[in-house]
Amino acid sequence: HVHWSHNSTIVTSGSINFQAEIMYAKGHDQEAFSTPLVVDMSQAASTTRYQHMIAESLMSEVGGAGGIIPTENIEVDGLVIVQLSLTSNSMDGGALPFFHTMDIHYQSTGVATKQRAPDFYV
């Protein structure tokens, strides 16, 4: 998801739309980066200046249905590369959005890695 805010004290309505191009590759010379997955995200603006907003999006799923990253393919030392672009801004009051960061959440197995390279768990 994307963490963002805007700089205006007089926003009463509007939203932003942005697009993320996401690529993933396992590390340790196991694979090349995938074809970019394009994800469109939208979120209504807060009326509060510098409000910490979080726009969510799905980037992986078991089996990789719909062209997204197969969850079972993600492993230790894999790398996710993202290019984030603002595609529209309909906020009033001259508001300009800015992005703080983008991060991911995942469900852990709780099993620690024993090795620095594949197979990580042996």
N, C-alpha and C. Protein backbone atom coordinates (compact mmCIF):
# COMPACT_ATOMS: atom_id res chain seq x y z
N HIS A 1 0.82 -1.19 0.00
CA HIS A 1 0.00 0.00 0.00
C HIS A 1 0.87 1.25 0.00
N VAL A 2 0.25 2.36 -0.34
CA VAL A 2 0.95 3.63 -0.50
C VAL A 2 0.56 4.56 0.65
N HIS A 3 1.55 5.17 1.27
CA HIS A 3 1.34 6.18 2.31
C HIS A 3 1.47 7.55 1.65
N TRP A 4 0.47 8.42 1.83
CA TRP A 4 0.51 9.72 1.18
C TRP A 4 -0.20 10.77 2.01
N SER A 5 0.00 12.03 1.65
CA SER A 5 -0.65 13.18 2.28
C SER A 5 -0.84 14.26 1.21
N HIS A 6 -1.46 15.36 1.59
CA HIS A 6 -1.54 16.52 0.70
C HIS A 6 -1.20 17.78 1.50
N ASN A 7 -0.98 18.88 0.79
CA ASN A 7 -0.42 20.07 1.42
C ASN A 7 -1.42 21.22 1.62
N SER A 8 -2.71 21.01 1.42
CA SER A 8 -3.66 22.13 1.45
C SER A 8 -4.49 22.16 2.73
N THR A 9 -4.74 23.38 3.22
CA THR A 9 -5.59 23.57 4.40
C THR A 9 -7.05 23.79 4.04
N ILE A 10 -7.37 23.85 2.73
CA ILE A 10 -8.74 24.18 2.34
C ILE A 10 -9.40 23.12 1.44
N VAL A 11 -8.95 21.86 1.51
CA VAL A 11 -9.56 20.79 0.72
C VAL A 11 -10.93 20.46 1.30
N THR A 12 -11.94 20.41 0.45
CA THR A 12 -13.27 19.99 0.88
C THR A 12 -13.75 18.76 0.11
N SER A 13 -13.13 18.47 -1.04
CA SER A 13 -13.53 17.30 -1.82
C SER A 13 -12.43 16.92 -2.80
N GLY A 14 -12.65 15.79 -3.44
CA GLY A 14 -11.73 15.33 -4.47
C GLY A 14 -11.01 14.06 -4.08
N SER A 15 -10.24 13.58 -5.01
CA SER A 15 -9.50 12.34 -4.80
C SER A 15 -8.25 12.34 -5.66
N ILE A 16 -7.42 11.34 -5.45
CA ILE A 16 -6.27 11.14 -6.32
C ILE A 16 -6.35 9.74 -6.90
N ASN A 17 -5.78 9.59 -8.06
CA ASN A 17 -5.64 8.30 -8.71
C ASN A 17 -4.18 8.15 -9.07
N PHE A 18 -3.66 6.98 -8.82
CA PHE A 18 -2.28 6.73 -9.20
C PHE A 18 -2.14 5.30 -9.68
N GLN A 19 -1.01 5.05 -10.31
CA GLN A 19 -0.76 3.75 -10.90
C GLN A 19 0.60 3.26 -10.42
N ALA A 20 0.65 1.99 -10.07
CA ALA A 20 1.91 1.36 -9.68
C ALA A 20 2.24 0.28 -10.69
N GLU A 21 3.46 0.32 -11.20
CA GLU A 21 3.97 -0.77 -12.03
C GLU A 21 4.90 -1.58 -11.15
N ILE A 22 4.56 -2.86 -10.95
CA ILE A 22 5.24 -3.69 -9.97
C ILE A 22 5.90 -4.88 -10.67
N MET A 23 7.16 -5.13 -10.33
CA MET A 23 7.88 -6.30 -10.85
C MET A 23 8.51 -7.04 -9.67
N TYR A 24 8.63 -8.35 -9.79
CA TYR A 24 9.22 -9.17 -8.74
C TYR A 24 10.18 -10.17 -9.35
N ALA A 25 11.27 -10.48 -8.63
CA ALA A 25 12.19 -11.55 -9.01
C ALA A 25 12.78 -12.18 -7.75
N LYS A 26 12.90 -13.49 -7.77
CA LYS A 26 13.62 -14.18 -6.70
C LYS A 26 15.09 -13.77 -6.78
N GLY A 27 15.77 -13.82 -5.66
CA GLY A 27 17.20 -13.49 -5.63
C GLY A 27 18.08 -14.67 -5.94
N HIS A 28 19.37 -14.49 -5.81
CA HIS A 28 20.38 -15.53 -5.97
C HIS A 28 20.36 -16.16 -7.37
N ASP A 29 20.21 -15.31 -8.39
CA ASP A 29 20.29 -15.75 -9.78
C ASP A 29 19.26 -16.83 -10.13
N GLN A 30 18.07 -16.76 -9.50
CA GLN A 30 17.04 -17.77 -9.74
C GLN A 30 16.07 -17.39 -10.85
N GLU A 31 15.85 -16.09 -11.08
CA GLU A 31 14.91 -15.70 -12.14
C GLU A 31 15.09 -14.23 -12.50
N ALA A 32 14.57 -13.88 -13.67
CA ALA A 32 14.56 -12.49 -14.12
C ALA A 32 13.31 -11.81 -13.57
N PHE A 33 13.28 -10.48 -13.60
CA PHE A 33 12.11 -9.74 -13.15
C PHE A 33 10.92 -10.06 -14.06
N SER A 34 9.77 -10.13 -13.43
CA SER A 34 8.52 -10.43 -14.14
C SER A 34 8.11 -9.26 -15.03
N THR A 35 7.18 -9.54 -15.94
CA THR A 35 6.55 -8.47 -16.71
C THR A 35 5.84 -7.57 -15.72
N PRO A 36 5.90 -6.24 -15.87
CA PRO A 36 5.27 -5.36 -14.88
C PRO A 36 3.77 -5.62 -14.72
N LEU A 37 3.36 -5.70 -13.48
CA LEU A 37 1.95 -5.77 -13.11
C LEU A 37 1.50 -4.33 -12.92
N VAL A 38 0.44 -3.91 -13.58
CA VAL A 38 -0.04 -2.54 -13.47
C VAL A 38 -1.26 -2.52 -12.56
N VAL A 39 -1.17 -1.74 -11.48
CA VAL A 39 -2.23 -1.64 -10.49
C VAL A 39 -2.70 -0.19 -10.41
N ASP A 40 -3.99 0.03 -10.59
CA ASP A 40 -4.56 1.37 -10.44
C ASP A 40 -5.16 1.50 -9.05
N MET A 41 -4.90 2.62 -8.40
CA MET A 41 -5.42 2.88 -7.06
C MET A 41 -6.06 4.25 -7.02
N SER A 42 -7.13 4.38 -6.23
CA SER A 42 -7.82 5.66 -6.04
C SER A 42 -8.15 5.81 -4.57
N GLN A 43 -8.18 7.05 -4.12
CA GLN A 43 -8.59 7.30 -2.75
C GLN A 43 -9.10 8.72 -2.62
N ALA A 44 -10.19 8.86 -1.88
CA ALA A 44 -10.74 10.18 -1.58
C ALA A 44 -9.79 10.91 -0.65
N ALA A 45 -9.70 12.21 -0.83
CA ALA A 45 -8.79 13.03 -0.02
C ALA A 45 -9.38 13.31 1.35
N SER A 46 -8.51 13.46 2.30
CA SER A 46 -8.91 13.94 3.63
C SER A 46 -9.06 15.46 3.56
N THR A 47 -9.86 16.03 4.43
CA THR A 47 -9.97 17.49 4.51
C THR A 47 -8.88 18.08 5.41
N THR A 48 -8.07 17.22 6.01
CA THR A 48 -7.01 17.66 6.93
C THR A 48 -5.65 17.68 6.23
N ARG A 49 -4.99 18.82 6.30
CA ARG A 49 -3.65 18.95 5.73
C ARG A 49 -2.69 17.98 6.41
N TYR A 50 -1.85 17.35 5.62
CA TYR A 50 -0.82 16.40 6.07
C TYR A 50 -1.39 15.15 6.74
N GLN A 51 -2.70 14.87 6.56
CA GLN A 51 -3.28 13.64 7.10
C GLN A 51 -2.55 12.44 6.51
N HIS A 52 -2.23 11.46 7.34
CA HIS A 52 -1.54 10.26 6.88
C HIS A 52 -2.57 9.32 6.27
N MET A 53 -2.58 9.25 4.94
CA MET A 53 -3.53 8.41 4.20
C MET A 53 -2.81 7.15 3.72
N ILE A 54 -3.56 6.05 3.63
CA ILE A 54 -3.00 4.79 3.15
C ILE A 54 -3.95 4.21 2.11
N ALA A 55 -3.46 4.06 0.89
CA ALA A 55 -4.26 3.48 -0.21
C ALA A 55 -3.79 2.04 -0.43
N GLU A 56 -4.72 1.11 -0.31
CA GLU A 56 -4.42 -0.32 -0.38
C GLU A 56 -4.62 -0.89 -1.78
N SER A 57 -3.86 -1.94 -2.09
CA SER A 57 -4.03 -2.65 -3.35
C SER A 57 -3.47 -4.06 -3.20
N LEU A 58 -4.05 -5.00 -3.92
CA LEU A 58 -3.59 -6.38 -3.93
C LEU A 58 -2.52 -6.55 -5.00
N MET A 59 -1.37 -7.16 -4.63
CA MET A 59 -0.32 -7.38 -5.63
C MET A 59 0.05 -8.84 -5.79
N SER A 60 -0.39 -9.70 -4.85
CA SER A 60 -0.12 -11.12 -5.01
C SER A 60 -1.31 -11.94 -4.54
N GLU A 61 -1.38 -13.17 -5.06
CA GLU A 61 -2.46 -14.08 -4.68
C GLU A 61 -2.00 -15.49 -5.02
N VAL A 62 -2.46 -16.47 -4.26
CA VAL A 62 -2.10 -17.85 -4.55
C VAL A 62 -2.47 -18.17 -5.99
N GLY A 63 -1.52 -18.67 -6.73
CA GLY A 63 -1.74 -19.01 -8.13
C GLY A 63 -1.52 -17.86 -9.10
N GLY A 64 -1.44 -16.64 -8.60
CA GLY A 64 -1.19 -15.49 -9.46
C GLY A 64 -2.33 -15.17 -10.40
N ALA A 65 -3.56 -15.45 -9.99
CA ALA A 65 -4.73 -15.20 -10.84
C ALA A 65 -4.78 -13.75 -11.30
N GLY A 66 -5.22 -13.54 -12.53
CA GLY A 66 -5.37 -12.19 -13.06
C GLY A 66 -4.07 -11.48 -13.36
N GLY A 67 -2.98 -12.23 -13.46
CA GLY A 67 -1.69 -11.63 -13.81
C GLY A 67 -0.92 -11.03 -12.66
N ILE A 68 -1.39 -11.23 -11.42
CA ILE A 68 -0.64 -10.71 -10.28
C ILE A 68 0.41 -11.73 -9.84
N ILE A 69 1.29 -11.32 -8.94
CA ILE A 69 2.41 -12.16 -8.50
C ILE A 69 1.87 -13.37 -7.73
N PRO A 70 2.29 -14.59 -8.09
CA PRO A 70 1.87 -15.76 -7.32
C PRO A 70 2.50 -15.71 -5.92
N THR A 71 1.68 -15.70 -4.89
CA THR A 71 2.17 -15.60 -3.51
C THR A 71 3.20 -16.67 -3.20
N GLU A 72 2.97 -17.87 -3.70
CA GLU A 72 3.89 -18.98 -3.40
C GLU A 72 5.26 -18.79 -4.05
N ASN A 73 5.41 -17.83 -4.94
CA ASN A 73 6.67 -17.55 -5.61
C ASN A 73 7.55 -16.58 -4.79
N ILE A 74 6.95 -15.88 -3.84
CA ILE A 74 7.69 -14.88 -3.06
C ILE A 74 8.51 -15.57 -1.98
N GLU A 75 9.79 -15.22 -1.91
CA GLU A 75 10.66 -15.84 -0.93
C GLU A 75 11.69 -14.85 -0.41
N VAL A 76 12.46 -15.29 0.57
CA VAL A 76 13.53 -14.50 1.16
C VAL A 76 14.46 -14.00 0.07
N ASP A 77 14.91 -12.76 0.17
CA ASP A 77 15.82 -12.10 -0.77
C ASP A 77 15.21 -11.84 -2.14
N GLY A 78 13.90 -12.05 -2.29
CA GLY A 78 13.23 -11.61 -3.51
C GLY A 78 13.16 -10.09 -3.48
N LEU A 79 13.01 -9.49 -4.62
CA LEU A 79 12.99 -8.03 -4.69
C LEU A 79 11.75 -7.57 -5.46
N VAL A 80 11.04 -6.60 -4.88
CA VAL A 80 9.88 -5.99 -5.52
C VAL A 80 10.30 -4.59 -5.96
N ILE A 81 10.15 -4.30 -7.24
CA ILE A 81 10.46 -2.98 -7.77
C ILE A 81 9.15 -2.32 -8.17
N VAL A 82 8.98 -1.06 -7.76
CA VAL A 82 7.73 -0.35 -8.03
C VAL A 82 8.02 1.01 -8.62
N GLN A 83 7.30 1.34 -9.69
CA GLN A 83 7.30 2.70 -10.22
C GLN A 83 5.91 3.26 -9.98
N LEU A 84 5.82 4.34 -9.21
CA LEU A 84 4.54 4.93 -8.84
C LEU A 84 4.32 6.23 -9.60
N SER A 85 3.13 6.38 -10.22
CA SER A 85 2.82 7.57 -11.01
C SER A 85 1.46 8.12 -10.60
N LEU A 86 1.38 9.42 -10.43
CA LEU A 86 0.11 10.09 -10.19
C LEU A 86 -0.60 10.21 -11.54
N THR A 87 -1.83 9.70 -11.65
CA THR A 87 -2.54 9.75 -12.93
C THR A 87 -3.62 10.83 -12.96
N SER A 88 -4.16 11.20 -11.79
CA SER A 88 -5.10 12.33 -11.74
C SER A 88 -5.23 12.84 -10.31
N ASN A 89 -5.59 14.12 -10.22
CA ASN A 89 -5.77 14.78 -8.93
C ASN A 89 -6.97 15.71 -9.06
N SER A 90 -8.08 15.34 -8.41
CA SER A 90 -9.28 16.19 -8.47
C SER A 90 -9.54 16.91 -7.15
N MET A 91 -8.54 16.96 -6.27
CA MET A 91 -8.71 17.67 -5.00
C MET A 91 -8.86 19.16 -5.26
N ASP A 92 -9.76 19.79 -4.54
CA ASP A 92 -9.92 21.24 -4.67
C ASP A 92 -8.93 21.96 -3.75
N GLY A 93 -8.95 23.27 -3.75
CA GLY A 93 -8.08 24.05 -2.87
C GLY A 93 -6.62 24.07 -3.30
N GLY A 94 -6.34 23.66 -4.54
CA GLY A 94 -4.95 23.67 -5.00
C GLY A 94 -4.08 22.62 -4.33
N ALA A 95 -4.70 21.60 -3.79
CA ALA A 95 -3.95 20.57 -3.04
C ALA A 95 -3.02 19.78 -3.95
N LEU A 96 -1.82 19.58 -3.49
CA LEU A 96 -0.84 18.76 -4.18
C LEU A 96 -0.52 17.54 -3.31
N PRO A 97 -0.73 16.35 -3.84
CA PRO A 97 -0.41 15.15 -3.05
C PRO A 97 1.08 14.88 -3.07
N PHE A 98 1.55 14.19 -2.04
CA PHE A 98 2.92 13.70 -2.04
C PHE A 98 2.94 12.34 -1.36
N PHE A 99 3.82 11.49 -1.84
CA PHE A 99 3.91 10.13 -1.36
C PHE A 99 5.05 10.02 -0.36
N HIS A 100 4.77 9.37 0.78
CA HIS A 100 5.80 9.16 1.80
C HIS A 100 6.62 7.91 1.47
N THR A 101 5.90 6.80 1.27
CA THR A 101 6.56 5.52 1.01
C THR A 101 5.53 4.51 0.56
N MET A 102 6.00 3.37 0.15
CA MET A 102 5.13 2.25 -0.21
C MET A 102 5.69 1.04 0.51
N ASP A 103 4.81 0.21 1.08
CA ASP A 103 5.29 -0.99 1.76
C ASP A 103 4.36 -2.16 1.52
N ILE A 104 4.82 -3.33 1.92
CA ILE A 104 4.01 -4.54 1.75
C ILE A 104 3.82 -5.22 3.09
N HIS A 105 2.75 -5.97 3.21
CA HIS A 105 2.49 -6.82 4.36
C HIS A 105 2.38 -8.25 3.84
N TYR A 106 2.82 -9.19 4.64
CA TYR A 106 2.75 -10.58 4.23
C TYR A 106 2.51 -11.45 5.45
N GLN A 107 2.02 -12.65 5.22
CA GLN A 107 1.80 -13.60 6.30
C GLN A 107 3.04 -14.46 6.42
N SER A 108 3.64 -14.44 7.59
CA SER A 108 4.87 -15.19 7.82
C SER A 108 4.56 -16.62 8.25
N THR A 109 5.47 -17.52 7.92
CA THR A 109 5.34 -18.90 8.40
C THR A 109 5.84 -19.01 9.83
N GLY A 110 6.59 -18.00 10.28
CA GLY A 110 7.17 -18.04 11.61
C GLY A 110 8.43 -18.88 11.68
N VAL A 111 8.87 -19.43 10.56
CA VAL A 111 10.06 -20.27 10.52
C VAL A 111 11.25 -19.40 10.11
N ALA A 112 12.27 -19.40 10.93
CA ALA A 112 13.46 -18.58 10.64
C ALA A 112 14.27 -19.19 9.50
N THR A 113 14.94 -18.35 8.74
CA THR A 113 15.83 -18.85 7.68
C THR A 113 17.13 -19.30 8.33
N LYS A 114 17.66 -20.43 7.85
CA LYS A 114 18.90 -20.98 8.38
C LYS A 114 20.09 -20.70 7.47
N GLN A 115 19.79 -20.41 6.20
CA GLN A 115 20.84 -20.18 5.22
C GLN A 115 20.67 -18.80 4.58
N ARG A 116 21.76 -18.27 4.02
CA ARG A 116 21.68 -16.97 3.34
C ARG A 116 21.33 -17.09 1.86
N ALA A 117 21.25 -18.31 1.36
CA ALA A 117 20.92 -18.56 -0.04
C ALA A 117 20.00 -19.77 -0.11
N PRO A 118 19.33 -19.99 -1.24
CA PRO A 118 18.43 -21.15 -1.34
C PRO A 118 19.19 -22.44 -1.11
N ASP A 119 18.66 -23.41 -0.52
CA ASP A 119 17.40 -23.51 0.19
C ASP A 119 17.55 -22.86 1.58
N PHE A 120 16.76 -21.84 1.86
CA PHE A 120 16.90 -21.01 3.04
C PHE A 120 16.61 -21.72 4.35
N TYR A 121 15.84 -22.82 4.31
CA TYR A 121 15.33 -23.42 5.54
C TYR A 121 16.02 -24.74 5.91
N VAL A 122 17.04 -25.13 5.18
CA VAL A 122 17.73 -26.41 5.46
C VAL A 122 18.94 -26.17 6.33
